[in-house]
Amino acid sequence: MAEQKRETSPIVKLGRAALEQLAELTGQKVEGLSGIHRNDDGWLVTAEVLELRRIPETTDVMATYEVTLDDDGSLTGYRRARRYTRAQTEEY
């Protein structure tokens, strides 16, 4: 039985576009996507970025970036929302 090739969903494509463009702009390693949602102007993507590697890794300096995209996946803006150490957790 031949495998069917599944098409990548549009939201996955938007997430990848945001991460690639953010890495290019910041020159930093983007470790992952932590959120994506639609807003009035397009899309808001939240990403976690490694800004400074340290030993031990738990002391690495991380940052949360908010990236805005238009409906075509083009970056329209970004900002660093916060910085933290890898071992730091938030309480809700």
PDB file of N, CA and C in Angstrom:
ATOM      1  N   MET A   1       0.843  -1.180   0.000  1.00  0.00           N
ATOM      2  CA  MET A   1       0.000   0.000   0.000  1.00  0.00           C
ATOM      3  C   MET A   1       0.887   1.241   0.000  1.00  0.00           C
ATOM      4  N   ALA A   2       0.683   2.148  -0.905  1.00  0.00           N
ATOM      5  CA  ALA A   2       1.489   3.355  -1.014  1.00  0.00           C
ATOM      6  C   ALA A   2       1.109   4.350   0.082  1.00  0.00           C
ATOM      7  N   GLU A   3       2.146   5.006   0.620  1.00  0.00           N
ATOM      8  CA  GLU A   3       1.891   6.029   1.640  1.00  0.00           C
ATOM      9  C   GLU A   3       1.359   7.292   0.984  1.00  0.00           C
ATOM     10  N   GLN A   4       0.367   7.889   1.631  1.00  0.00           N
ATOM     11  CA  GLN A   4      -0.151   9.147   1.133  1.00  0.00           C
ATOM     12  C   GLN A   4       0.647  10.285   1.757  1.00  0.00           C
ATOM     13  N   LYS A   5       1.022  11.235   0.949  1.00  0.00           N
ATOM     14  CA  LYS A   5       1.758  12.381   1.440  1.00  0.00           C
ATOM     15  C   LYS A   5       0.759  13.398   1.985  1.00  0.00           C
ATOM     16  N   ARG A   6       0.913  13.721   3.272  1.00  0.00           N
ATOM     17  CA  ARG A   6       0.008  14.683   3.883  1.00  0.00           C
ATOM     18  C   ARG A   6       0.538  16.093   3.679  1.00  0.00           C
ATOM     19  N   GLU A   7      -0.374  16.989   3.401  1.00  0.00           N
ATOM     20  CA  GLU A   7      -0.013  18.381   3.208  1.00  0.00           C
ATOM     21  C   GLU A   7       0.155  19.056   4.568  1.00  0.00           C
ATOM     22  N   THR A   8       1.158  19.906   4.687  1.00  0.00           N
ATOM     23  CA  THR A   8       1.398  20.639   5.925  1.00  0.00           C
ATOM     24  C   THR A   8       0.304  21.679   6.118  1.00  0.00           C
ATOM     25  N   SER A   9      -0.208  21.778   7.342  1.00  0.00           N
ATOM     26  CA  SER A   9      -1.291  22.724   7.611  1.00  0.00           C
ATOM     27  C   SER A   9      -0.782  24.160   7.530  1.00  0.00           C
ATOM     28  N   PRO A  10      -1.666  25.090   7.189  1.00  0.00           N
ATOM     29  CA  PRO A  10      -1.273  26.502   7.082  1.00  0.00           C
ATOM     30  C   PRO A  10      -0.689  27.074   8.373  1.00  0.00           C
ATOM     31  N   ILE A  11      -1.200  26.669   9.526  1.00  0.00           N
ATOM     32  CA  ILE A  11      -0.691  27.221  10.790  1.00  0.00           C
ATOM     33  C   ILE A  11       0.736  26.736  11.062  1.00  0.00           C
ATOM     34  N   VAL A  12       1.054  25.506  10.647  1.00  0.00           N
ATOM     35  CA  VAL A  12       2.425  24.997  10.791  1.00  0.00           C
ATOM     36  C   VAL A  12       3.361  25.792   9.889  1.00  0.00           C
ATOM     37  N   LYS A  13       2.922  26.086   8.676  1.00  0.00           N
ATOM     38  CA  LYS A  13       3.726  26.885   7.748  1.00  0.00           C
ATOM     39  C   LYS A  13       3.980  28.286   8.304  1.00  0.00           C
ATOM     40  N   LEU A  14       2.965  28.900   8.905  1.00  0.00           N
ATOM     41  CA  LEU A  14       3.127  30.222   9.511  1.00  0.00           C
ATOM     42  C   LEU A  14       4.122  30.178  10.667  1.00  0.00           C
ATOM     43  N   GLY A  15       4.026  29.153  11.490  1.00  0.00           N
ATOM     44  CA  GLY A  15       4.952  29.001  12.609  1.00  0.00           C
ATOM     45  C   GLY A  15       6.386  28.861  12.132  1.00  0.00           C
ATOM     46  N   ARG A  16       6.597  28.029  11.136  1.00  0.00           N
ATOM     47  CA  ARG A  16       7.946  27.851  10.581  1.00  0.00           C
ATOM     48  C   ARG A  16       8.477  29.157   9.990  1.00  0.00           C
ATOM     49  N   ALA A  17       7.626  29.874   9.278  1.00  0.00           N
ATOM     50  CA  ALA A  17       8.038  31.142   8.676  1.00  0.00           C
ATOM     51  C   ALA A  17       8.477  32.130   9.757  1.00  0.00           C
ATOM     52  N   ALA A  18       7.733  32.188  10.849  1.00  0.00           N
ATOM     53  CA  ALA A  18       8.069  33.100  11.947  1.00  0.00           C
ATOM     54  C   ALA A  18       9.415  32.734  12.557  1.00  0.00           C
ATOM     55  N   LEU A  19       9.635  31.442  12.812  1.00  0.00           N
ATOM     56  CA  LEU A  19      10.880  31.010  13.445  1.00  0.00           C
ATOM     57  C   LEU A  19      12.079  31.272  12.545  1.00  0.00           C
ATOM     58  N   GLU A  20      11.947  30.992  11.269  1.00  0.00           N
ATOM     59  CA  GLU A  20      13.046  31.212  10.324  1.00  0.00           C
ATOM     60  C   GLU A  20      13.400  32.694  10.225  1.00  0.00           C
ATOM     61  N   GLN A  21      12.382  33.547  10.125  1.00  0.00           N
ATOM     62  CA  GLN A  21      12.631  34.978   9.991  1.00  0.00           C
ATOM     63  C   GLN A  21      13.203  35.574  11.278  1.00  0.00           C
ATOM     64  N   LEU A  22      12.737  35.095  12.433  1.00  0.00           N
ATOM     65  CA  LEU A  22      13.248  35.571  13.713  1.00  0.00           C
ATOM     66  C   LEU A  22      14.716  35.183  13.869  1.00  0.00           C
ATOM     67  N   ALA A  23      15.065  33.956  13.533  1.00  0.00           N
ATOM     68  CA  ALA A  23      16.462  33.511  13.621  1.00  0.00           C
ATOM     69  C   ALA A  23      17.353  34.364  12.722  1.00  0.00           C
ATOM     70  N   GLU A  24      16.876  34.671  11.536  1.00  0.00           N
ATOM     71  CA  GLU A  24      17.652  35.485  10.606  1.00  0.00           C
ATOM     72  C   GLU A  24      17.861  36.903  11.145  1.00  0.00           C
ATOM     73  N   LEU A  25      16.835  37.485  11.738  1.00  0.00           N
ATOM     74  CA  LEU A  25      16.924  38.849  12.253  1.00  0.00           C
ATOM     75  C   LEU A  25      17.787  38.955  13.504  1.00  0.00           C
ATOM     76  N   THR A  26      17.653  38.004  14.414  1.00  0.00           N
ATOM     77  CA  THR A  26      18.357  38.092  15.695  1.00  0.00           C
ATOM     78  C   THR A  26      19.742  37.450  15.646  1.00  0.00           C
ATOM     79  N   GLY A  27      19.957  36.519  14.727  1.00  0.00           N
ATOM     80  CA  GLY A  27      21.216  35.789  14.693  1.00  0.00           C
ATOM     81  C   GLY A  27      21.347  34.805  15.840  1.00  0.00           C
ATOM     82  N   GLN A  28      20.237  34.514  16.509  1.00  0.00           N
ATOM     83  CA  GLN A  28      20.230  33.613  17.667  1.00  0.00           C
ATOM     84  C   GLN A  28      19.521  32.310  17.326  1.00  0.00           C
ATOM     85  N   LYS A  29      19.748  31.293  18.151  1.00  0.00           N
ATOM     86  CA  LYS A  29      19.090  30.001  17.963  1.00  0.00           C
ATOM     87  C   LYS A  29      17.671  30.066  18.532  1.00  0.00           C
ATOM     88  N   VAL A  30      16.699  29.837  17.675  1.00  0.00           N
ATOM     89  CA  VAL A  30      15.303  29.778  18.119  1.00  0.00           C
ATOM     90  C   VAL A  30      15.036  28.340  18.531  1.00  0.00           C
ATOM     91  N   GLU A  31      14.698  28.149  19.808  1.00  0.00           N
ATOM     92  CA  GLU A  31      14.528  26.798  20.330  1.00  0.00           C
ATOM     93  C   GLU A  31      13.143  26.227  20.098  1.00  0.00           C
ATOM     94  N   GLY A  32      12.159  27.084  19.937  1.00  0.00           N
ATOM     95  CA  GLY A  32      10.832  26.543  19.699  1.00  0.00           C
ATOM     96  C   GLY A  32       9.748  27.590  19.702  1.00  0.00           C
ATOM     97  N   LEU A  33       8.611  27.144  19.309  1.00  0.00           N
ATOM     98  CA  LEU A  33       7.402  27.946  19.228  1.00  0.00           C
ATOM     99  C   LEU A  33       6.589  27.658  20.484  1.00  0.00           C
ATOM    100  N   SER A  34       6.183  28.702  21.200  1.00  0.00           N
ATOM    101  CA  SER A  34       5.395  28.466  22.415  1.00  0.00           C
ATOM    102  C   SER A  34       3.952  28.942  22.289  1.00  0.00           C
ATOM    103  N   GLY A  35       3.627  29.602  21.176  1.00  0.00           N
ATOM    104  CA  GLY A  35       2.249  30.007  20.967  1.00  0.00           C
ATOM    105  C   GLY A  35       2.045  30.614  19.593  1.00  0.00           C
ATOM    106  N   ILE A  36       0.831  30.478  19.092  1.00  0.00           N
ATOM    107  CA  ILE A  36       0.465  31.112  17.833  1.00  0.00           C
ATOM    108  C   ILE A  36      -1.046  31.329  17.839  1.00  0.00           C
ATOM    109  N   HIS A  37      -1.441  32.545  17.530  1.00  0.00           N
ATOM    110  CA  HIS A  37      -2.881  32.801  17.431  1.00  0.00           C
ATOM    111  C   HIS A  37      -3.158  33.961  16.487  1.00  0.00           C
ATOM    112  N   ARG A  38      -4.356  33.971  15.999  1.00  0.00           N
ATOM    113  CA  ARG A  38      -4.827  34.983  15.048  1.00  0.00           C
ATOM    114  C   ARG A  38      -5.234  36.228  15.820  1.00  0.00           C
ATOM    115  N   ASN A  39      -4.899  37.378  15.272  1.00  0.00           N
ATOM    116  CA  ASN A  39      -5.402  38.634  15.830  1.00  0.00           C
ATOM    117  C   ASN A  39      -5.974  39.482  14.689  1.00  0.00           C
ATOM    118  N   ASP A  40      -6.350  40.720  14.967  1.00  0.00           N
ATOM    119  CA  ASP A  40      -6.987  41.567  13.954  1.00  0.00           C
ATOM    120  C   ASP A  40      -6.080  41.893  12.775  1.00  0.00           C
ATOM    121  N   ASP A  41      -4.763  41.907  13.008  1.00  0.00           N
ATOM    122  CA  ASP A  41      -3.812  42.312  11.982  1.00  0.00           C
ATOM    123  C   ASP A  41      -3.122  41.156  11.271  1.00  0.00           C
ATOM    124  N   GLY A  42      -3.370  39.941  11.685  1.00  0.00           N
ATOM    125  CA  GLY A  42      -2.699  38.775  11.099  1.00  0.00           C
ATOM    126  C   GLY A  42      -2.483  37.704  12.149  1.00  0.00           C
ATOM    127  N   TRP A  43      -1.217  37.424  12.447  1.00  0.00           N
ATOM    128  CA  TRP A  43      -0.877  36.360  13.389  1.00  0.00           C
ATOM    129  C   TRP A  43       0.142  36.851  14.406  1.00  0.00           C
ATOM    130  N   LEU A  44       0.018  36.371  15.644  1.00  0.00           N
ATOM    131  CA  LEU A  44       0.989  36.640  16.696  1.00  0.00           C
ATOM    132  C   LEU A  44       1.610  35.305  17.083  1.00  0.00           C
ATOM    133  N   VAL A  45       2.919  35.207  16.933  1.00  0.00           N
ATOM    134  CA  VAL A  45       3.651  33.980  17.240  1.00  0.00           C
ATOM    135  C   VAL A  45       4.596  34.278  18.400  1.00  0.00           C
ATOM    136  N   THR A  46       4.627  33.392  19.387  1.00  0.00           N
ATOM    137  CA  THR A  46       5.528  33.527  20.523  1.00  0.00           C
ATOM    138  C   THR A  46       6.592  32.448  20.414  1.00  0.00           C
ATOM    139  N   ALA A  47       7.859  32.856  20.516  1.00  0.00           N
ATOM    140  CA  ALA A  47       8.972  31.926  20.337  1.00  0.00           C
ATOM    141  C   ALA A  47       9.970  32.062  21.477  1.00  0.00           C
ATOM    142  N   GLU A  48      10.648  30.963  21.783  1.00  0.00           N
ATOM    143  CA  GLU A  48      11.686  30.932  22.812  1.00  0.00           C
ATOM    144  C   GLU A  48      13.047  30.886  22.130  1.00  0.00           C
ATOM    145  N   VAL A  49      13.935  31.808  22.524  1.00  0.00           N
ATOM    146  CA  VAL A  49      15.233  31.982  21.873  1.00  0.00           C
ATOM    147  C   VAL A  49      16.352  31.844  22.902  1.00  0.00           C
ATOM    148  N   LEU A  50      17.406  31.120  22.525  1.00  0.00           N
ATOM    149  CA  LEU A  50      18.600  31.009  23.349  1.00  0.00           C
ATOM    150  C   LEU A  50      19.473  32.219  23.046  1.00  0.00           C
ATOM    151  N   GLU A  51      19.616  33.125  24.017  1.00  0.00           N
ATOM    152  CA  GLU A  51      20.404  34.340  23.790  1.00  0.00           C
ATOM    153  C   GLU A  51      21.844  34.214  24.267  1.00  0.00           C
ATOM    154  N   LEU A  52      22.088  33.432  25.323  1.00  0.00           N
ATOM    155  CA  LEU A  52      23.437  33.290  25.852  1.00  0.00           C
ATOM    156  C   LEU A  52      23.602  31.906  26.465  1.00  0.00           C
ATOM    157  N   ARG A  53      24.488  31.121  25.875  1.00  0.00           N
ATOM    158  CA  ARG A  53      24.748  29.772  26.388  1.00  0.00           C
ATOM    159  C   ARG A  53      25.707  29.870  27.574  1.00  0.00           C
ATOM    160  N   ARG A  54      25.385  29.129  28.636  1.00  0.00           N
ATOM    161  CA  ARG A  54      26.223  29.105  29.841  1.00  0.00           C
ATOM    162  C   ARG A  54      26.374  27.678  30.332  1.00  0.00           C
ATOM    163  N   ILE A  55      27.321  27.489  31.232  1.00  0.00           N
ATOM    164  CA  ILE A  55      27.504  26.191  31.883  1.00  0.00           C
ATOM    165  C   ILE A  55      27.263  26.418  33.361  1.00  0.00           C
ATOM    166  N   PRO A  56      26.377  25.669  33.991  1.00  0.00           N
ATOM    167  CA  PRO A  56      25.525  24.622  33.427  1.00  0.00           C
ATOM    168  C   PRO A  56      24.381  25.210  32.588  1.00  0.00           C
ATOM    169  N   GLU A  57      23.777  24.350  31.759  1.00  0.00           N
ATOM    170  CA  GLU A  57      22.708  24.798  30.845  1.00  0.00           C
ATOM    171  C   GLU A  57      21.538  25.448  31.563  1.00  0.00           C
ATOM    172  N   THR A  58      21.320  25.090  32.811  1.00  0.00           N
ATOM    173  CA  THR A  58      20.190  25.665  33.551  1.00  0.00           C
ATOM    174  C   THR A  58      20.348  27.169  33.741  1.00  0.00           C
ATOM    175  N   THR A  59      21.567  27.684  33.534  1.00  0.00           N
ATOM    176  CA  THR A  59      21.789  29.127  33.670  1.00  0.00           C
ATOM    177  C   THR A  59      21.817  29.850  32.319  1.00  0.00           C
ATOM    178  N   ASP A  60      21.543  29.134  31.219  1.00  0.00           N
ATOM    179  CA  ASP A  60      21.443  29.765  29.903  1.00  0.00           C
ATOM    180  C   ASP A  60      20.462  30.933  29.976  1.00  0.00           C
ATOM    181  N   VAL A  61      20.759  32.002  29.254  1.00  0.00           N
ATOM    182  CA  VAL A  61      19.837  33.138  29.187  1.00  0.00           C
ATOM    183  C   VAL A  61      18.924  32.931  27.978  1.00  0.00           C
ATOM    184  N   MET A  62      17.638  32.865  28.251  1.00  0.00           N
ATOM    185  CA  MET A  62      16.614  32.648  27.250  1.00  0.00           C
ATOM    186  C   MET A  62      15.802  33.932  27.095  1.00  0.00           C
ATOM    187  N   ALA A  63      15.058  34.019  26.004  1.00  0.00           N
ATOM    188  CA  ALA A  63      14.170  35.160  25.794  1.00  0.00           C
ATOM    189  C   ALA A  63      12.903  34.691  25.102  1.00  0.00           C
ATOM    190  N   THR A  64      11.817  35.345  25.435  1.00  0.00           N
ATOM    191  CA  THR A  64      10.552  35.129  24.747  1.00  0.00           C
ATOM    192  C   THR A  64      10.365  36.295  23.778  1.00  0.00           C
ATOM    193  N   TYR A  65      10.162  35.957  22.511  1.00  0.00           N
ATOM    194  CA  TYR A  65       9.915  36.964  21.481  1.00  0.00           C
ATOM    195  C   TYR A  65       8.492  36.829  20.971  1.00  0.00           C
ATOM    196  N   GLU A  66       7.882  37.964  20.685  1.00  0.00           N
ATOM    197  CA  GLU A  66       6.580  37.997  20.037  1.00  0.00           C
ATOM    198  C   GLU A  66       6.800  38.468  18.601  1.00  0.00           C
ATOM    199  N   VAL A  67       6.352  37.672  17.650  1.00  0.00           N
ATOM    200  CA  VAL A  67       6.538  37.940  16.235  1.00  0.00           C
ATOM    201  C   VAL A  67       5.168  38.134  15.604  1.00  0.00           C
ATOM    202  N   THR A  68       5.001  39.200  14.835  1.00  0.00           N
ATOM    203  CA  THR A  68       3.740  39.408  14.128  1.00  0.00           C
ATOM    204  C   THR A  68       3.944  39.136  12.642  1.00  0.00           C
ATOM    205  N   LEU A  69       2.982  38.428  12.069  1.00  0.00           N
ATOM    206  CA  LEU A  69       3.008  38.070  10.656  1.00  0.00           C
ATOM    207  C   LEU A  69       1.720  38.525   9.987  1.00  0.00           C
ATOM    208  N   ASP A  70       1.818  38.831   8.697  1.00  0.00           N
ATOM    209  CA  ASP A  70       0.592  39.085   7.949  1.00  0.00           C
ATOM    210  C   ASP A  70       0.019  37.741   7.501  1.00  0.00           C
ATOM    211  N   ASP A  71      -1.077  37.765   6.788  1.00  0.00           N
ATOM    212  CA  ASP A  71      -1.734  36.517   6.390  1.00  0.00           C
ATOM    213  C   ASP A  71      -0.913  35.676   5.418  1.00  0.00           C
ATOM    214  N   ASP A  72       0.072  36.299   4.763  1.00  0.00           N
ATOM    215  CA  ASP A  72       0.938  35.557   3.837  1.00  0.00           C
ATOM    216  C   ASP A  72       2.156  34.956   4.522  1.00  0.00           C
ATOM    217  N   GLY A  73       2.330  35.225   5.824  1.00  0.00           N
ATOM    218  CA  GLY A  73       3.470  34.694   6.558  1.00  0.00           C
ATOM    219  C   GLY A  73       4.688  35.600   6.556  1.00  0.00           C
ATOM    220  N   SER A  74       4.536  36.829   6.065  1.00  0.00           N
ATOM    221  CA  SER A  74       5.641  37.783   6.082  1.00  0.00           C
ATOM    222  C   SER A  74       5.690  38.495   7.425  1.00  0.00           C
ATOM    223  N   LEU A  75       6.891  38.625   7.967  1.00  0.00           N
ATOM    224  CA  LEU A  75       7.072  39.263   9.249  1.00  0.00           C
ATOM    225  C   LEU A  75       6.755  40.751   9.147  1.00  0.00           C
ATOM    226  N   THR A  76       5.921  41.237  10.058  1.00  0.00           N
ATOM    227  CA  THR A  76       5.588  42.653  10.084  1.00  0.00           C
ATOM    228  C   THR A  76       6.160  43.339  11.319  1.00  0.00           C
ATOM    229  N   GLY A  77       6.648  42.565  12.280  1.00  0.00           N
ATOM    230  CA  GLY A  77       7.265  43.135  13.470  1.00  0.00           C
ATOM    231  C   GLY A  77       7.646  42.044  14.455  1.00  0.00           C
ATOM    232  N   TYR A  78       8.541  42.418  15.386  1.00  0.00           N
ATOM    233  CA  TYR A  78       8.889  41.500  16.468  1.00  0.00           C
ATOM    234  C   TYR A  78       9.412  42.310  17.642  1.00  0.00           C
ATOM    235  N   ARG A  79       9.335  41.709  18.829  1.00  0.00           N
ATOM    236  CA  ARG A  79       9.876  42.346  20.024  1.00  0.00           C
ATOM    237  C   ARG A  79      10.239  41.289  21.043  1.00  0.00           C
ATOM    238  N   ARG A  80      11.256  41.591  21.850  1.00  0.00           N
ATOM    239  CA  ARG A  80      11.594  40.693  22.957  1.00  0.00           C
ATOM    240  C   ARG A  80      10.671  41.051  24.109  1.00  0.00           C
ATOM    241  N   ALA A  81       9.887  40.093  24.538  1.00  0.00           N
ATOM    242  CA  ALA A  81       8.907  40.330  25.592  1.00  0.00           C
ATOM    243  C   ALA A  81       9.505  40.150  26.991  1.00  0.00           C
ATOM    244  N   ARG A  82      10.457  39.210  27.122  1.00  0.00           N
ATOM    245  CA  ARG A  82      11.082  39.001  28.429  1.00  0.00           C
ATOM    246  C   ARG A  82      12.353  38.181  28.281  1.00  0.00           C
ATOM    247  N   ARG A  83      13.221  38.264  29.293  1.00  0.00           N
ATOM    248  CA  ARG A  83      14.434  37.448  29.379  1.00  0.00           C
ATOM    249  C   ARG A  83      14.371  36.675  30.689  1.00  0.00           C
ATOM    250  N   TYR A  84      14.966  35.485  30.695  1.00  0.00           N
ATOM    251  CA  TYR A  84      14.938  34.637  31.876  1.00  0.00           C
ATOM    252  C   TYR A  84      16.022  33.585  31.757  1.00  0.00           C
ATOM    253  N   THR A  85      16.338  32.931  32.870  1.00  0.00           N
ATOM    254  CA  THR A  85      17.264  31.803  32.808  1.00  0.00           C
ATOM    255  C   THR A  85      16.470  30.541  32.505  1.00  0.00           C
ATOM    256  N   ARG A  86      17.132  29.594  31.872  1.00  0.00           N
ATOM    257  CA  ARG A  86      16.447  28.366  31.449  1.00  0.00           C
ATOM    258  C   ARG A  86      15.739  27.672  32.615  1.00  0.00           C
ATOM    259  N   ALA A  87      16.335  27.701  33.783  1.00  0.00           N
ATOM    260  CA  ALA A  87      15.766  26.992  34.942  1.00  0.00           C
ATOM    261  C   ALA A  87      14.584  27.739  35.574  1.00  0.00           C
ATOM    262  N   GLN A  88      14.384  28.984  35.186  1.00  0.00           N
ATOM    263  CA  GLN A  88      13.313  29.796  35.771  1.00  0.00           C
ATOM    264  C   GLN A  88      11.955  29.334  35.259  1.00  0.00           C
ATOM    265  N   THR A  89      11.000  29.224  36.165  1.00  0.00           N
ATOM    266  CA  THR A  89       9.634  28.873  35.776  1.00  0.00           C
ATOM    267  C   THR A  89       8.681  29.972  36.225  1.00  0.00           C
ATOM    268  N   GLU A  90       7.542  30.019  35.568  1.00  0.00           N
ATOM    269  CA  GLU A  90       6.522  31.003  35.947  1.00  0.00           C
ATOM    270  C   GLU A  90       5.423  30.333  36.732  1.00  0.00           C
ATOM    271  N   GLU A  91       4.882  31.048  37.686  1.00  0.00           N
ATOM    272  CA  GLU A  91       3.735  30.555  38.423  1.00  0.00           C
ATOM    273  C   GLU A  91       2.510  31.320  37.970  1.00  0.00           C
ATOM    274  N   TYR A  92       1.426  30.593  37.752  1.00  0.00           N
ATOM    275  CA  TYR A  92       0.183  31.229  37.306  1.00  0.00           C
ATOM    276  C   TYR A  92      -0.853  31.196  38.383  1.00  0.00           C
TER     277      TYR A  92
END
